[in-house]
Amino acid sequence: MIHGTGRLPEPVIKEASMRILLAEDERDLNRIITKKLTSDGYSVDSCYDGEEAIDILSYTNYDAVILDIMMPKADGFDVLKYIRNEGKMTPVLFLTARDSVDDIVKGLDSGANDYLVKPFSFDELTSRIRAMTRTSHGIASSLLQVGDLTLDTRTKAVTRGGNEISLSAKEYMLLEYMMHNPGIILSREKIEDHIWNYDYEGGTNVVNVYINYLRRKIDDGYDCKLIHTVRGRGYILKEGKKD
């Protein structure tokens, strides 16, 4: 909860701000992966079986899904089948202790984007995530630009008119999300769903607070405002006046 006008301390962001679902039944590994990805700036929801993963995916969208193959109730193949049958092209990465060619081929043929055989390094995991989400978003360059505002998803550098802007982790995540969706009205609910974990209960003005933080850093001192409020609908990042 945010009290008064104070600022919550934010961790330094290291990797791209994406929302990820992790389904891994080995609890210690699940905890370690979640902790690592969270520290790298990802928003992570985790579960321990395929049935719960399917339930979560039925009402929540993700930028990427990481699936263990051998899980109780429903295995990774079952979850992947559900995702593709729903017409979702969400990138899926399999984690598996099985390194046979047959399992790898089956996973890729079923619509998985990539796989990692346990044990693996976390540097390799985050590298695979970056590669497959970059492809899914159609991003040929790490540079995002709206007007004279630029954001480099590789270095996390943000500038406007050549002036460097320092952002907290959550501010960066919010700005990157908006810059991936220029000219699109984003409701408070969509922003909450994307930036905060699915167990976040809301009930506060946290989105408004962070939008105001961004406005002070992005728009103050500039004639052309980029962040606009669309009354009753949400927020939009674009040049010029709001709709």
Protein backbone atom coordinates (compact mmCIF):
# COMPACT_ATOMS: atom_id res chain seq x y z
CA MET A 1 0.00 0.00 0.00
CA ILE A 2 1.18 3.52 -0.75
CA HIS A 3 0.92 5.86 2.22
CA GLY A 4 0.59 9.62 1.69
CA THR A 5 2.88 10.98 -0.97
CA GLY A 6 5.83 8.76 -0.13
CA ARG A 7 7.51 6.62 -2.77
CA LEU A 8 7.91 2.89 -2.39
CA PRO A 9 11.49 1.72 -2.94
CA GLU A 10 11.81 -0.16 -6.22
CA PRO A 11 14.40 -2.77 -7.18
CA VAL A 12 16.70 -2.02 -10.08
CA ILE A 13 15.23 -3.56 -13.22
CA LYS A 14 17.54 -5.74 -15.27
CA GLU A 15 15.47 -7.50 -17.88
CA ALA A 16 12.41 -6.85 -20.00
CA SER A 17 9.15 -6.23 -18.15
CA MET A 18 6.99 -9.10 -19.32
CA ARG A 19 4.24 -11.02 -17.54
CA ILE A 20 5.03 -14.72 -17.27
CA LEU A 21 3.17 -17.80 -16.04
CA LEU A 22 5.40 -20.52 -14.58
CA ALA A 23 3.99 -24.04 -14.10
CA GLU A 24 6.53 -26.24 -12.33
CA ASP A 25 5.61 -28.91 -9.77
CA GLU A 26 9.03 -29.05 -8.10
CA ARG A 27 8.38 -26.43 -5.45
CA ASP A 28 11.97 -25.49 -4.67
CA LEU A 29 12.77 -25.00 -8.35
CA ASN A 30 9.52 -23.11 -8.84
CA ARG A 31 10.44 -20.76 -5.99
CA ILE A 32 13.99 -20.23 -7.28
CA ILE A 33 12.88 -19.53 -10.87
CA THR A 34 10.16 -17.15 -9.68
CA LYS A 35 12.60 -15.28 -7.44
CA LYS A 36 15.19 -15.00 -10.22
CA LEU A 37 12.76 -13.79 -12.88
CA THR A 38 11.14 -11.33 -10.49
CA SER A 39 14.53 -9.88 -9.58
CA ASP A 40 15.17 -9.45 -13.32
CA GLY A 41 12.05 -7.29 -13.66
CA TYR A 42 9.48 -9.83 -14.86
CA SER A 43 6.03 -10.09 -13.34
CA VAL A 44 5.61 -13.78 -12.50
CA ASP A 45 2.61 -15.89 -11.53
CA SER A 46 3.40 -19.47 -10.58
CA CYS A 47 1.54 -22.71 -9.99
CA TYR A 48 2.39 -26.37 -9.37
CA ASP A 49 0.21 -28.42 -11.70
CA GLY A 50 -1.19 -28.31 -15.20
CA GLU A 51 -4.81 -28.13 -14.15
CA GLU A 52 -4.22 -24.93 -12.21
CA ALA A 53 -2.20 -23.54 -15.11
CA ILE A 54 -5.14 -24.11 -17.47
CA ASP A 55 -7.50 -22.47 -14.99
CA ILE A 56 -5.28 -19.38 -14.71
CA LEU A 57 -4.84 -19.18 -18.48
CA SER A 58 -8.62 -19.25 -18.93
CA TYR A 59 -8.91 -15.73 -17.53
CA THR A 60 -5.43 -14.19 -17.72
CA ASN A 61 -3.20 -13.32 -20.68
CA TYR A 62 0.58 -13.64 -20.54
CA ASP A 63 3.54 -12.56 -22.62
CA ALA A 64 5.14 -15.99 -22.13
CA VAL A 65 4.43 -19.32 -20.45
CA ILE A 66 7.05 -21.65 -18.96
CA LEU A 67 5.86 -25.23 -18.58
CA ASP A 68 7.37 -28.28 -16.94
CA ILE A 69 6.43 -31.33 -19.01
CA MET A 70 5.88 -33.80 -16.18
CA MET A 71 3.26 -32.27 -13.86
CA PRO A 72 0.34 -33.76 -11.88
CA LYS A 73 -3.29 -33.48 -12.98
CA ALA A 74 -2.35 -32.24 -16.46
CA ASP A 75 1.09 -32.35 -18.04
CA GLY A 76 2.84 -29.68 -20.06
CA PHE A 77 1.57 -31.09 -23.34
CA ASP A 78 -2.03 -30.81 -22.08
CA VAL A 79 -1.51 -27.17 -21.10
CA LEU A 80 0.11 -26.35 -24.43
CA LYS A 81 -2.78 -28.05 -26.27
CA TYR A 82 -5.25 -25.88 -24.33
CA ILE A 83 -3.33 -22.70 -25.18
CA ARG A 84 -3.19 -23.46 -28.90
CA ASN A 85 -6.80 -24.73 -29.07
CA GLU A 86 -7.87 -21.37 -27.64
CA GLY A 87 -6.13 -19.71 -30.58
CA LYS A 88 -3.53 -18.05 -28.37
CA MET A 89 -0.07 -17.58 -29.88
CA THR A 90 1.55 -16.95 -26.49
CA PRO A 91 5.21 -18.08 -26.60
CA VAL A 92 5.70 -21.32 -24.66
CA LEU A 93 8.96 -22.64 -23.29
CA PHE A 94 9.18 -26.25 -22.05
CA LEU A 95 11.34 -27.18 -19.06
CA THR A 96 12.04 -30.88 -19.01
CA ALA A 97 14.28 -33.44 -17.41
CA ARG A 98 13.64 -35.60 -20.44
CA ASP A 99 16.27 -34.99 -23.10
CA SER A 100 15.18 -37.59 -25.63
CA VAL A 101 14.75 -36.49 -29.22
CA ASP A 102 11.17 -37.83 -29.26
CA ASP A 103 10.05 -35.58 -26.38
CA ILE A 104 11.73 -32.53 -27.87
CA VAL A 105 10.17 -33.15 -31.28
CA LYS A 106 6.74 -33.78 -29.77
CA GLY A 107 6.90 -30.51 -27.85
CA LEU A 108 7.95 -28.42 -30.83
CA ASP A 109 5.46 -30.15 -33.14
CA SER A 110 2.70 -29.42 -30.60
CA GLY A 111 3.38 -25.70 -30.84
CA ALA A 112 6.06 -25.00 -28.24
CA ASN A 113 8.47 -22.23 -29.16
CA ASP A 114 11.52 -23.54 -27.34
CA TYR A 115 12.71 -25.94 -24.65
CA LEU A 116 15.36 -26.24 -21.95
CA VAL A 117 16.64 -29.49 -20.50
CA LYS A 118 17.22 -29.51 -16.74
CA PRO A 119 19.58 -28.56 -15.26
CA PHE A 120 19.98 -25.22 -17.01
CA SER A 121 21.56 -21.85 -16.28
CA PHE A 122 19.33 -18.89 -15.48
CA ASP A 123 21.23 -16.77 -17.97
CA GLU A 124 20.20 -19.23 -20.67
CA LEU A 125 16.59 -19.22 -19.45
CA THR A 126 16.30 -15.43 -19.58
CA SER A 127 18.04 -15.37 -22.95
CA ARG A 128 15.49 -17.84 -24.36
CA ILE A 129 12.62 -15.78 -22.92
CA ARG A 130 13.94 -12.59 -24.52
CA ALA A 131 14.38 -14.31 -27.88
CA MET A 132 10.92 -15.84 -28.09
CA THR A 133 9.04 -12.80 -26.78
CA ARG A 134 10.95 -10.53 -29.14
CA THR A 135 9.77 -12.71 -32.02
CA SER A 136 6.20 -12.83 -30.74
CA HIS A 137 5.99 -9.04 -30.50
CA GLY A 138 7.51 -8.67 -33.94
CA ILE A 139 10.32 -6.55 -32.57
CA ALA A 140 13.27 -6.34 -34.93
CA SER A 141 14.99 -3.69 -32.83
CA SER A 142 15.32 -3.16 -29.10
CA LEU A 143 14.43 0.52 -29.56
CA LEU A 144 10.86 1.74 -28.99
CA GLN A 145 9.92 5.30 -29.92
CA VAL A 146 6.89 7.56 -29.57
CA GLY A 147 7.57 11.11 -30.71
CA ASP A 148 10.86 12.21 -29.19
CA LEU A 149 10.55 9.63 -26.38
CA THR A 150 12.74 6.55 -26.79
CA LEU A 151 13.14 3.38 -24.73
CA ASP A 152 15.79 0.73 -25.31
CA THR A 153 14.54 -2.64 -24.04
CA ARG A 154 18.08 -4.01 -24.09
CA THR A 155 19.84 -1.35 -22.02
CA LYS A 156 16.71 -0.03 -20.24
CA ALA A 157 17.74 3.51 -21.21
CA VAL A 158 14.89 6.03 -21.52
CA THR A 159 15.36 9.45 -23.10
CA ARG A 160 13.18 12.30 -24.29
CA GLY A 161 14.58 14.89 -26.62
CA GLY A 162 18.01 13.45 -25.92
CA ASN A 163 17.62 13.93 -22.15
CA GLU A 164 18.06 10.79 -20.04
CA ILE A 165 15.16 9.91 -17.74
CA SER A 166 15.65 7.83 -14.59
CA LEU A 167 12.75 5.48 -13.77
CA SER A 168 11.97 3.08 -10.96
CA ALA A 169 11.28 -0.56 -11.85
CA LYS A 170 7.49 -0.21 -11.86
CA GLU A 171 7.64 3.09 -13.76
CA TYR A 172 9.80 1.42 -16.40
CA MET A 173 7.44 -1.58 -16.66
CA LEU A 174 4.45 0.71 -17.10
CA LEU A 175 6.17 2.87 -19.70
CA GLU A 176 7.42 -0.11 -21.70
CA TYR A 177 3.91 -1.60 -21.71
CA MET A 178 2.46 1.67 -22.99
CA MET A 179 5.20 2.03 -25.61
CA HIS A 180 4.46 -1.46 -26.89
CA ASN A 181 0.86 -0.23 -27.36
CA PRO A 182 1.14 3.34 -28.74
CA GLY A 183 -2.15 4.96 -29.66
CA ILE A 184 -4.14 2.27 -27.82
CA ILE A 185 -6.34 3.11 -24.85
CA LEU A 186 -5.27 0.96 -21.89
CA SER A 187 -7.79 0.59 -19.09
CA ARG A 188 -6.69 0.60 -15.45
CA GLU A 189 -7.70 -3.06 -15.28
CA LYS A 190 -5.46 -3.97 -18.23
CA ILE A 191 -2.55 -2.11 -16.70
CA GLU A 192 -3.09 -3.81 -13.33
CA ASP A 193 -3.30 -7.22 -15.01
CA HIS A 194 -0.11 -6.67 -16.97
CA ILE A 195 2.11 -4.95 -14.44
CA TRP A 196 1.00 -6.51 -11.18
CA ASN A 197 0.63 -10.21 -10.37
CA TYR A 198 -2.80 -11.80 -10.79
CA ASP A 199 -3.21 -12.12 -6.99
CA TYR A 200 -3.02 -8.33 -6.64
CA GLU A 201 -6.39 -7.35 -5.18
CA GLY A 202 -6.51 -3.79 -6.43
CA GLY A 203 -8.82 -1.48 -4.54
CA THR A 204 -6.33 1.38 -4.55
CA ASN A 205 -5.36 4.16 -6.92
CA VAL A 206 -1.94 2.60 -7.56
CA VAL A 207 -2.27 2.86 -11.37
CA ASN A 208 -3.18 6.54 -11.13
CA VAL A 209 -0.23 7.11 -8.81
CA TYR A 210 2.28 5.56 -11.22
CA ILE A 211 0.75 7.33 -14.21
CA ASN A 212 1.30 10.60 -12.34
CA TYR A 213 4.90 9.60 -11.55
CA LEU A 214 5.50 8.99 -15.26
CA ARG A 215 3.83 12.24 -16.29
CA ARG A 216 6.16 14.25 -14.06
CA LYS A 217 9.20 12.59 -15.61
CA ILE A 218 8.01 12.24 -19.22
CA ASP A 219 5.78 15.28 -19.86
CA ASP A 220 6.68 18.04 -17.38
CA GLY A 221 8.53 20.82 -19.18
CA TYR A 222 7.42 19.72 -22.66
CA ASP A 223 4.77 21.47 -24.77
CA CYS A 224 3.75 18.21 -26.45
CA LYS A 225 2.27 15.86 -23.87
CA LEU A 226 2.50 12.12 -24.53
CA ILE A 227 0.49 10.53 -21.70
CA HIS A 228 -3.22 11.31 -21.86
CA THR A 229 -6.25 10.36 -19.78
CA VAL A 230 -9.30 9.21 -21.72
CA ARG A 231 -12.16 9.86 -19.33
CA GLY A 232 -13.94 6.70 -18.23
CA ARG A 233 -11.71 4.46 -20.35
CA GLY A 234 -8.10 4.66 -19.22
CA TYR A 235 -4.81 6.05 -20.53
CA ILE A 236 -3.13 6.39 -23.90
CA LEU A 237 0.43 7.15 -24.99
CA LYS A 238 0.61 9.21 -28.17
CA GLU A 239 1.62 12.58 -29.55
CA GLY A 240 -0.93 15.37 -29.47
CA LYS A 241 -4.19 15.79 -27.64
CA LYS A 242 -6.30 12.98 -26.24
CA ASP A 243 -9.31 11.67 -28.15
